[in-house]
Structure formats: C-alpha cells, structure tokens
Amino acid sequence: MSNNDPSNPYGTPAPDNGSNTYGAQPPTTPQYGTNDGFQGQNQYAGQDSYTNAPAYGSPQFPGAPTYAGQDQFAAQAQGQADAKTSLILGLVGLFALGIILGPMAIHYAKKAERVGVPATPGKVLGWISVILFILGVVFFIILIAAGSAGFMDLDTNY
C-alpha cells in the first residue's frame, strides 16, 4: 500500500491544485442597501409594513371560508372546564363550607349543561353538600335546644 493510495487514511495528502476551498477566504456578503443581484428590483416594493395587513379575525386569504363551528369548540372546552369545576366544588363542599361551595357547584354545572356538556355529578354533589349543611345546622340547633332544656344533664350527683 502506497502513501498516496486513497484507501489509506494515513497517507500523505494530495497536493492542492486550487480545487480545495479549505482555508480560502469566504465569499463577501453585499452591504445593506446595495444591489444584491436583484437587477434593480426592490425586494419590498409596493409593500407597506402594516397598512395592507388583514384585520384581526378576517380570513387571511380572500375567499377562504370561515367556519361557524370554530366558536363551538371554544364553548365546548369551557363547558368541560365548568363541569370539572362543579365536580371539584361539590366534592370539597361535602367536607367544608357546603353552604358556599354547594351553590357554586350547582351554578357551574348548569353553565356547563347550557353548552351541552353533561355535569350531573357536580350538580348532585352540590345539592348533597347544601342538604348536609342544612341538616348539620338543624342538628346543631336541636343539640343546643336539648342542652338548654336540661335533657342532657350529665350531673350524676343525686
């Protein structure tokens, strides 16, 4: 195997005859504002920066259809978020602040159902939390009334 054999990676490099561009100067880039080879064409001719831009919400291409269902997807997503919110409020309302969180759960469930998203669990838990709160208040009032009437006298000294 000779030193100039192309299959020998450790051989001496071939002499440079000008075809090798390694180490050559990079081509110069034209300066801003000069003719870049466009033959007198202004790249930005006839284009105002923002005056010809389409209005927000208008179709970008003339004749492109707008779909009425685009708003439906956003409403559906909001309805799903409201259904989740009503479920969470109903669950938390079972354990704390049922008189506040229960009606909020019912409200969000109705809001979700107006869009067509089922939110029955949140509504049911909201009603249960309100009912449990009312029963708790009634039970507490009965305990106070019974205690003040002497029914719960724990004094064992006869």
N, C-alpha and C. Protein backbone atom coordinates (compact mmCIF):
# COMPACT_ATOMS: atom_id res chain seq x y z
N MET A 1 0.85 -1.17 0.00
CA MET A 1 0.00 0.00 0.00
C MET A 1 0.90 1.23 0.00
N SER A 2 0.65 2.13 -0.92
CA SER A 2 1.49 3.33 -1.04
C SER A 2 0.91 4.45 -0.19
N ASN A 3 1.68 5.52 -0.03
CA ASN A 3 1.24 6.67 0.76
C ASN A 3 0.13 7.47 0.09
N ASN A 4 0.04 7.44 -1.24
CA ASN A 4 -0.97 8.22 -1.97
C ASN A 4 -2.21 7.40 -2.31
N ASP A 5 -2.30 6.22 -1.79
CA ASP A 5 -3.46 5.37 -2.04
C ASP A 5 -4.68 5.98 -1.35
N PRO A 6 -5.82 6.17 -2.05
CA PRO A 6 -6.98 6.80 -1.43
C PRO A 6 -7.59 5.95 -0.33
N SER A 7 -7.33 4.64 -0.33
CA SER A 7 -7.89 3.81 0.73
C SER A 7 -7.05 3.88 1.99
N ASN A 8 -5.89 4.53 1.94
CA ASN A 8 -5.02 4.66 3.10
C ASN A 8 -5.32 6.00 3.77
N PRO A 9 -5.97 5.97 4.91
CA PRO A 9 -6.29 7.24 5.56
C PRO A 9 -5.09 7.91 6.19
N TYR A 10 -3.97 7.19 6.32
CA TYR A 10 -2.79 7.77 6.95
C TYR A 10 -1.75 8.21 5.93
N GLY A 11 -2.09 8.20 4.67
CA GLY A 11 -1.15 8.59 3.63
C GLY A 11 -0.97 10.10 3.59
N THR A 12 -0.07 10.55 2.78
CA THR A 12 0.17 11.98 2.64
C THR A 12 -0.96 12.59 1.82
N PRO A 13 -1.36 13.78 2.16
CA PRO A 13 -2.46 14.40 1.41
C PRO A 13 -2.04 14.75 -0.01
N ALA A 14 -3.02 14.77 -0.87
CA ALA A 14 -2.77 15.11 -2.27
C ALA A 14 -2.43 16.59 -2.35
N PRO A 15 -1.60 16.98 -3.31
CA PRO A 15 -1.24 18.40 -3.45
C PRO A 15 -2.48 19.22 -3.86
N ASP A 16 -2.54 20.44 -3.33
CA ASP A 16 -3.68 21.33 -3.60
C ASP A 16 -3.48 21.99 -4.96
N ASN A 17 -4.42 21.77 -5.86
CA ASN A 17 -4.32 22.37 -7.17
C ASN A 17 -5.35 23.50 -7.35
N GLY A 18 -5.88 24.00 -6.23
CA GLY A 18 -6.83 25.11 -6.32
C GLY A 18 -8.27 24.66 -6.22
N SER A 19 -8.51 23.36 -6.31
CA SER A 19 -9.89 22.89 -6.22
C SER A 19 -10.33 22.74 -4.78
N ASN A 20 -9.40 22.67 -3.87
CA ASN A 20 -9.73 22.54 -2.46
C ASN A 20 -9.99 23.95 -1.91
N THR A 21 -11.16 24.19 -1.38
CA THR A 21 -11.50 25.53 -0.89
C THR A 21 -11.28 25.66 0.60
N TYR A 22 -10.74 24.64 1.22
CA TYR A 22 -10.48 24.73 2.65
C TYR A 22 -9.39 25.76 2.88
N GLY A 23 -9.65 26.68 3.76
CA GLY A 23 -8.69 27.72 4.05
C GLY A 23 -8.81 28.93 3.14
N ALA A 24 -9.67 28.86 2.13
CA ALA A 24 -9.85 30.00 1.24
C ALA A 24 -10.68 31.06 1.94
N GLN A 25 -10.64 32.26 1.47
CA GLN A 25 -11.42 33.35 2.03
C GLN A 25 -12.91 33.12 1.72
N PRO A 26 -13.79 33.37 2.70
CA PRO A 26 -15.21 33.20 2.42
C PRO A 26 -15.69 34.28 1.45
N PRO A 27 -16.74 33.98 0.71
CA PRO A 27 -17.24 35.00 -0.22
C PRO A 27 -17.76 36.19 0.58
N THR A 28 -17.61 37.35 0.02
CA THR A 28 -18.06 38.56 0.71
C THR A 28 -19.56 38.70 0.56
N THR A 29 -20.18 39.21 1.59
CA THR A 29 -21.63 39.45 1.55
C THR A 29 -21.86 40.89 1.16
N PRO A 30 -22.87 41.16 0.36
CA PRO A 30 -23.13 42.54 -0.05
C PRO A 30 -23.58 43.37 1.14
N GLN A 31 -23.26 44.62 1.12
CA GLN A 31 -23.64 45.53 2.19
C GLN A 31 -25.12 45.90 2.05
N TYR A 32 -25.70 46.31 3.16
CA TYR A 32 -27.11 46.69 3.19
C TYR A 32 -27.33 47.89 2.28
N GLY A 33 -28.37 47.84 1.48
CA GLY A 33 -28.71 48.94 0.60
C GLY A 33 -28.07 48.87 -0.75
N THR A 34 -27.23 47.88 -1.00
CA THR A 34 -26.61 47.76 -2.31
C THR A 34 -27.45 46.84 -3.18
N ASN A 35 -27.18 46.84 -4.46
CA ASN A 35 -27.88 45.96 -5.38
C ASN A 35 -27.35 44.55 -5.17
N ASP A 36 -28.20 43.67 -4.65
CA ASP A 36 -27.79 42.32 -4.27
C ASP A 36 -27.92 41.33 -5.42
N GLY A 37 -27.92 41.77 -6.63
CA GLY A 37 -28.10 40.86 -7.73
C GLY A 37 -29.55 40.73 -8.12
N PHE A 38 -30.41 41.61 -7.61
CA PHE A 38 -31.83 41.58 -7.97
C PHE A 38 -32.10 42.40 -9.22
N GLN A 39 -31.07 42.89 -9.86
CA GLN A 39 -31.16 43.63 -11.11
C GLN A 39 -32.14 44.81 -10.98
N GLY A 40 -31.98 45.58 -9.93
CA GLY A 40 -32.79 46.79 -9.79
C GLY A 40 -34.14 46.55 -9.17
N GLN A 41 -34.45 45.34 -8.80
CA GLN A 41 -35.74 45.08 -8.18
C GLN A 41 -35.66 45.42 -6.70
N ASN A 42 -36.63 46.16 -6.23
CA ASN A 42 -36.70 46.44 -4.80
C ASN A 42 -37.47 45.29 -4.16
N GLN A 43 -36.85 44.65 -3.23
CA GLN A 43 -37.46 43.47 -2.62
C GLN A 43 -38.76 43.83 -1.91
N TYR A 44 -38.86 45.02 -1.39
CA TYR A 44 -40.02 45.42 -0.62
C TYR A 44 -40.89 46.43 -1.36
N ALA A 45 -40.80 46.49 -2.65
CA ALA A 45 -41.56 47.48 -3.41
C ALA A 45 -43.06 47.19 -3.31
N GLY A 46 -43.82 48.21 -3.05
CA GLY A 46 -45.27 48.09 -3.01
C GLY A 46 -45.81 47.46 -1.75
N GLN A 47 -44.98 47.25 -0.76
CA GLN A 47 -45.43 46.63 0.48
C GLN A 47 -45.31 47.64 1.61
N ASP A 48 -46.43 48.08 2.11
CA ASP A 48 -46.39 48.87 3.33
C ASP A 48 -46.24 47.91 4.48
N SER A 49 -45.65 48.38 5.55
CA SER A 49 -45.35 47.46 6.63
C SER A 49 -46.60 46.91 7.29
N TYR A 50 -47.55 47.77 7.66
CA TYR A 50 -48.71 47.26 8.38
C TYR A 50 -50.03 47.74 7.79
N THR A 51 -50.01 48.62 6.84
CA THR A 51 -51.27 49.16 6.34
C THR A 51 -52.04 48.17 5.49
N ASN A 52 -51.35 47.24 4.84
CA ASN A 52 -52.05 46.27 3.99
C ASN A 52 -52.32 44.96 4.70
N ALA A 53 -52.02 44.88 5.99
CA ALA A 53 -52.25 43.64 6.72
C ALA A 53 -53.75 43.42 6.91
N PRO A 54 -54.21 42.17 6.85
CA PRO A 54 -55.64 41.92 7.06
C PRO A 54 -56.04 42.21 8.50
N ALA A 55 -57.28 42.58 8.69
CA ALA A 55 -57.78 42.88 10.03
C ALA A 55 -57.81 41.60 10.85
N TYR A 56 -57.73 41.76 12.16
CA TYR A 56 -57.74 40.61 13.06
C TYR A 56 -59.07 39.87 12.93
N GLY A 57 -59.03 38.57 12.77
CA GLY A 57 -60.23 37.78 12.66
C GLY A 57 -60.73 37.61 11.23
N SER A 58 -60.24 38.41 10.29
CA SER A 58 -60.67 38.25 8.91
C SER A 58 -59.86 37.14 8.27
N PRO A 59 -60.40 36.49 7.26
CA PRO A 59 -59.65 35.40 6.64
C PRO A 59 -58.38 35.92 5.99
N GLN A 60 -57.32 35.16 6.09
CA GLN A 60 -56.04 35.60 5.57
C GLN A 60 -56.05 35.59 4.04
N PHE A 61 -56.74 34.64 3.49
CA PHE A 61 -56.78 34.53 2.04
C PHE A 61 -58.17 34.92 1.56
N PRO A 62 -58.25 35.73 0.53
CA PRO A 62 -59.58 36.11 0.03
C PRO A 62 -60.35 34.88 -0.43
N GLY A 63 -61.58 34.81 -0.04
CA GLY A 63 -62.42 33.69 -0.42
C GLY A 63 -62.30 32.49 0.49
N ALA A 64 -61.43 32.57 1.49
CA ALA A 64 -61.29 31.44 2.41
C ALA A 64 -62.50 31.40 3.33
N PRO A 65 -63.09 30.24 3.51
CA PRO A 65 -64.31 30.18 4.34
C PRO A 65 -63.99 30.30 5.82
N THR A 66 -64.89 30.91 6.54
CA THR A 66 -64.81 30.90 8.00
C THR A 66 -65.87 29.92 8.48
N TYR A 67 -65.57 29.22 9.50
CA TYR A 67 -66.45 28.17 9.97
C TYR A 67 -67.19 28.61 11.22
N ALA A 68 -68.48 28.36 11.24
CA ALA A 68 -69.28 28.73 12.40
C ALA A 68 -68.96 27.84 13.58
N GLY A 69 -68.43 26.66 13.34
CA GLY A 69 -68.12 25.73 14.40
C GLY A 69 -66.88 26.07 15.20
N GLN A 70 -66.13 27.08 14.75
CA GLN A 70 -64.92 27.44 15.47
C GLN A 70 -65.25 27.92 16.88
N ASP A 71 -66.31 28.67 17.05
CA ASP A 71 -66.70 29.13 18.38
C ASP A 71 -67.26 28.00 19.22
N GLN A 72 -67.84 27.00 18.57
CA GLN A 72 -68.42 25.87 19.29
C GLN A 72 -67.34 25.08 20.03
N PHE A 73 -66.17 24.95 19.43
CA PHE A 73 -65.09 24.22 20.08
C PHE A 73 -64.64 24.93 21.35
N ALA A 74 -64.55 26.25 21.29
CA ALA A 74 -64.16 27.02 22.47
C ALA A 74 -65.22 26.91 23.56
N ALA A 75 -66.49 26.96 23.18
CA ALA A 75 -67.57 26.83 24.15
C ALA A 75 -67.58 25.42 24.76
N GLN A 76 -67.30 24.43 23.95
CA GLN A 76 -67.25 23.05 24.44
C GLN A 76 -66.12 22.89 25.46
N ALA A 77 -64.97 23.47 25.16
CA ALA A 77 -63.84 23.39 26.10
C ALA A 77 -64.16 24.11 27.39
N GLN A 78 -64.82 25.26 27.30
CA GLN A 78 -65.20 25.99 28.51
C GLN A 78 -66.24 25.20 29.30
N GLY A 79 -67.15 24.52 28.61
CA GLY A 79 -68.14 23.69 29.29
C GLY A 79 -67.50 22.53 30.03
N GLN A 80 -66.48 21.92 29.42
CA GLN A 80 -65.79 20.83 30.10
C GLN A 80 -65.04 21.33 31.34
N ALA A 81 -64.47 22.52 31.24
CA ALA A 81 -63.79 23.10 32.40
C ALA A 81 -64.80 23.42 33.50
N ASP A 82 -65.98 23.91 33.12
CA ASP A 82 -67.02 24.21 34.11
C ASP A 82 -67.53 22.93 34.78
N ALA A 83 -67.64 21.85 34.01
CA ALA A 83 -68.08 20.57 34.58
C ALA A 83 -67.06 20.06 35.60
N LYS A 84 -65.78 20.17 35.28
CA LYS A 84 -64.74 19.75 36.23
C LYS A 84 -64.77 20.63 37.48
N THR A 85 -64.96 21.92 37.27
CA THR A 85 -65.01 22.84 38.41
C THR A 85 -66.19 22.51 39.32
N SER A 86 -67.35 22.21 38.73
CA SER A 86 -68.51 21.89 39.56
C SER A 86 -68.29 20.59 40.34
N LEU A 87 -67.63 19.62 39.72
CA LEU A 87 -67.33 18.37 40.42
C LEU A 87 -66.39 18.61 41.61
N ILE A 88 -65.35 19.41 41.40
CA ILE A 88 -64.40 19.70 42.47
C ILE A 88 -65.07 20.48 43.59
N LEU A 89 -65.86 21.49 43.22
CA LEU A 89 -66.56 22.28 44.24
C LEU A 89 -67.55 21.42 45.02
N GLY A 90 -68.23 20.52 44.33
CA GLY A 90 -69.17 19.64 45.01
C GLY A 90 -68.48 18.69 45.98
N LEU A 91 -67.34 18.16 45.58
CA LEU A 91 -66.59 17.25 46.46
C LEU A 91 -66.05 17.99 47.69
N VAL A 92 -65.47 19.14 47.48
CA VAL A 92 -64.92 19.90 48.61
C VAL A 92 -66.05 20.40 49.50
N GLY A 93 -67.20 20.73 48.89
CA GLY A 93 -68.35 21.20 49.66
C GLY A 93 -68.93 20.15 50.58
N LEU A 94 -68.68 18.87 50.32
CA LEU A 94 -69.14 17.82 51.22
C LEU A 94 -68.44 17.89 52.57
N PHE A 95 -67.22 18.39 52.57
CA PHE A 95 -66.41 18.38 53.78
C PHE A 95 -66.24 19.75 54.43
N ALA A 96 -66.34 20.81 53.66
CA ALA A 96 -66.12 22.14 54.22
C ALA A 96 -66.90 23.18 53.42
N LEU A 97 -67.50 24.12 54.12
CA LEU A 97 -68.20 25.26 53.51
C LEU A 97 -69.25 24.83 52.49
N GLY A 98 -70.05 23.86 52.85
CA GLY A 98 -71.07 23.34 51.93
C GLY A 98 -72.09 24.38 51.50
N ILE A 99 -72.38 25.34 52.37
CA ILE A 99 -73.38 26.36 52.03
C ILE A 99 -72.86 27.33 50.97
N ILE A 100 -71.55 27.43 50.84
CA ILE A 100 -70.97 28.32 49.82
C ILE A 100 -70.59 27.54 48.58
N LEU A 101 -69.89 26.43 48.77
CA LEU A 101 -69.38 25.67 47.61
C LEU A 101 -70.46 24.86 46.91
N GLY A 102 -71.50 24.45 47.64
CA GLY A 102 -72.59 23.70 47.02
C GLY A 102 -73.32 24.50 45.94
N PRO A 103 -73.80 25.72 46.26
CA PRO A 103 -74.44 26.52 45.21
C PRO A 103 -73.50 26.88 44.07
N MET A 104 -72.22 27.07 44.38
CA MET A 104 -71.27 27.34 43.30
C MET A 104 -71.15 26.14 42.37
N ALA A 105 -71.14 24.93 42.94
CA ALA A 105 -71.08 23.71 42.12
C ALA A 105 -72.32 23.58 41.24
N ILE A 106 -73.47 23.90 41.80
CA ILE A 106 -74.72 23.85 41.02
C ILE A 106 -74.69 24.86 39.89
N HIS A 107 -74.19 26.05 40.18
CA HIS A 107 -74.10 27.10 39.15
C HIS A 107 -73.19 26.67 38.00
N TYR A 108 -72.00 26.15 38.32
CA TYR A 108 -71.08 25.73 37.26
C TYR A 108 -71.63 24.53 36.48
N ALA A 109 -72.36 23.66 37.14
CA ALA A 109 -72.95 22.52 36.44
C ALA A 109 -74.01 23.00 35.44
N LYS A 110 -74.84 23.95 35.85
CA LYS A 110 -75.85 24.49 34.92
C LYS A 110 -75.18 25.22 33.75
N LYS A 111 -74.09 25.92 34.04
CA LYS A 111 -73.37 26.63 32.99
C LYS A 111 -72.78 25.65 31.98
N ALA A 112 -72.28 24.52 32.45
CA ALA A 112 -71.73 23.51 31.55
C ALA A 112 -72.83 22.83 30.75
N GLU A 113 -73.98 22.59 31.37
CA GLU A 113 -75.07 21.92 30.66
C GLU A 113 -75.71 22.81 29.61
N ARG A 114 -75.61 24.12 29.76
CA ARG A 114 -76.12 25.03 28.72
C ARG A 114 -75.37 24.86 27.41
N VAL A 115 -74.11 24.47 27.49
CA VAL A 115 -73.28 24.28 26.30
C VAL A 115 -73.43 22.86 25.76
N GLY A 116 -74.02 21.98 26.54
CA GLY A 116 -74.22 20.61 26.10
C GLY A 116 -73.27 19.62 26.73
N VAL A 117 -72.51 20.04 27.73
CA VAL A 117 -71.58 19.16 28.42
C VAL A 117 -72.28 18.60 29.66
N PRO A 118 -72.36 17.29 29.81
CA PRO A 118 -73.03 16.74 30.99
C PRO A 118 -72.22 17.04 32.25
N ALA A 119 -72.92 17.51 33.29
CA ALA A 119 -72.26 17.85 34.55
C ALA A 119 -73.11 17.38 35.73
N THR A 120 -73.76 16.25 35.58
CA THR A 120 -74.66 15.73 36.62
C THR A 120 -73.94 15.43 37.94
N PRO A 121 -72.76 14.82 37.94
CA PRO A 121 -72.10 14.55 39.24
C PRO A 121 -71.83 15.82 40.05
N GLY A 122 -71.40 16.87 39.39
CA GLY A 122 -71.14 18.12 40.10
C GLY A 122 -72.41 18.73 40.67
N LYS A 123 -73.49 18.64 39.89
CA LYS A 123 -74.77 19.19 40.36
C LYS A 123 -75.29 18.38 41.55
N VAL A 124 -75.22 17.06 41.46
CA VAL A 124 -75.71 16.20 42.55
C VAL A 124 -74.88 16.42 43.81
N LEU A 125 -73.56 16.47 43.68
CA LEU A 125 -72.72 16.70 44.85
C LEU A 125 -72.96 18.09 45.44
N GLY A 126 -73.24 19.07 44.59
CA GLY A 126 -73.56 20.40 45.09
C GLY A 126 -74.83 20.39 45.93
N TRP A 127 -75.88 19.72 45.44
CA TRP A 127 -77.12 19.62 46.21
C TRP A 127 -76.92 18.83 47.50
N ILE A 128 -76.15 17.76 47.43
CA ILE A 128 -75.90 16.97 48.64
C ILE A 128 -75.15 17.80 49.68
N SER A 129 -74.17 18.58 49.24
CA SER A 129 -73.42 19.39 50.20
C SER A 129 -74.29 20.46 50.84
N VAL A 130 -75.24 21.04 50.07
CA VAL A 130 -76.16 22.03 50.64
C VAL A 130 -77.08 21.36 51.64
N ILE A 131 -77.61 20.19 51.28
CA ILE A 131 -78.53 19.48 52.18
C ILE A 131 -77.82 19.04 53.45
N LEU A 132 -76.60 18.53 53.33
CA LEU A 132 -75.85 18.14 54.52
C LEU A 132 -75.55 19.33 55.42
N PHE A 133 -75.26 20.46 54.84
CA PHE A 133 -75.01 21.65 55.65
C PHE A 133 -76.28 22.05 56.41
N ILE A 134 -77.41 22.04 55.72
CA ILE A 134 -78.68 22.41 56.38
C ILE A 134 -79.00 21.40 57.49
N LEU A 135 -78.82 20.10 57.22
CA LEU A 135 -79.07 19.10 58.26
C LEU A 135 -78.13 19.28 59.45
N GLY A 136 -76.89 19.64 59.18
CA GLY A 136 -75.94 19.88 60.26
C GLY A 136 -76.35 21.06 61.12
N VAL A 137 -76.85 22.12 60.49
CA VAL A 137 -77.30 23.29 61.24
C VAL A 137 -78.52 22.92 62.08
N VAL A 138 -79.47 22.18 61.49
CA VAL A 138 -80.66 21.75 62.23
C VAL A 138 -80.26 20.86 63.40
N PHE A 139 -79.35 19.93 63.18
CA PHE A 139 -78.89 19.06 64.25
C PHE A 139 -78.22 19.86 65.37
N PHE A 140 -77.42 20.83 65.01
CA PHE A 140 -76.76 21.68 65.99
C PHE A 140 -77.77 22.47 66.81
N ILE A 141 -78.79 23.00 66.15
CA ILE A 141 -79.84 23.74 66.86
C ILE A 141 -80.59 22.82 67.82
N ILE A 142 -80.88 21.60 67.38
CA ILE A 142 -81.56 20.63 68.26
C ILE A 142 -80.68 20.31 69.46
N LEU A 143 -79.39 20.15 69.27
CA LEU A 143 -78.48 19.88 70.40
C LEU A 143 -78.46 21.04 71.39
N ILE A 144 -78.44 22.24 70.89
CA ILE A 144 -78.44 23.40 71.78
C ILE A 144 -79.76 23.50 72.54
N ALA A 145 -80.86 23.29 71.82
CA ALA A 145 -82.17 23.36 72.48
C ALA A 145 -82.31 22.25 73.52
N ALA A 146 -81.84 21.07 73.21
CA ALA A 146 -81.94 19.96 74.16
C ALA A 146 -81.04 20.21 75.37
N GLY A 147 -79.89 20.78 75.15
CA GLY A 147 -78.99 21.06 76.25
C GLY A 147 -79.51 22.15 77.17
N SER A 148 -80.15 23.14 76.60
CA SER A 148 -80.67 24.23 77.44
C SER A 148 -81.95 23.82 78.16
N ALA A 149 -82.65 22.80 77.69
CA ALA A 149 -83.88 22.35 78.34
C ALA A 149 -83.58 21.37 79.46
N GLY A 150 -82.36 20.94 79.61
CA GLY A 150 -81.98 20.06 80.69
C GLY A 150 -82.03 18.59 80.32
N PHE A 151 -82.26 18.26 79.09
CA PHE A 151 -82.29 16.85 78.68
C PHE A 151 -80.92 16.21 78.70
N MET A 152 -79.92 17.01 78.59
CA MET A 152 -78.57 16.46 78.54
C MET A 152 -77.83 16.75 79.85
N ASP A 153 -78.51 16.63 80.95
CA ASP A 153 -77.89 16.90 82.23
C ASP A 153 -77.01 15.70 82.58
N LEU A 154 -75.75 15.91 82.60
CA LEU A 154 -74.80 14.84 82.88
C LEU A 154 -74.38 14.80 84.34
N ASP A 155 -75.03 15.57 85.18
CA ASP A 155 -74.69 15.59 86.59
C ASP A 155 -75.23 14.33 87.25
N THR A 156 -74.36 13.52 87.79
CA THR A 156 -74.77 12.25 88.39
C THR A 156 -74.86 12.35 89.91
N ASN A 157 -74.78 13.48 90.51
CA ASN A 157 -74.89 13.66 91.96
C ASN A 157 -76.35 13.79 92.34
N TYR A 158 -76.99 12.69 92.77
CA TYR A 158 -78.41 12.72 93.16
C TYR A 158 -78.55 12.89 94.62
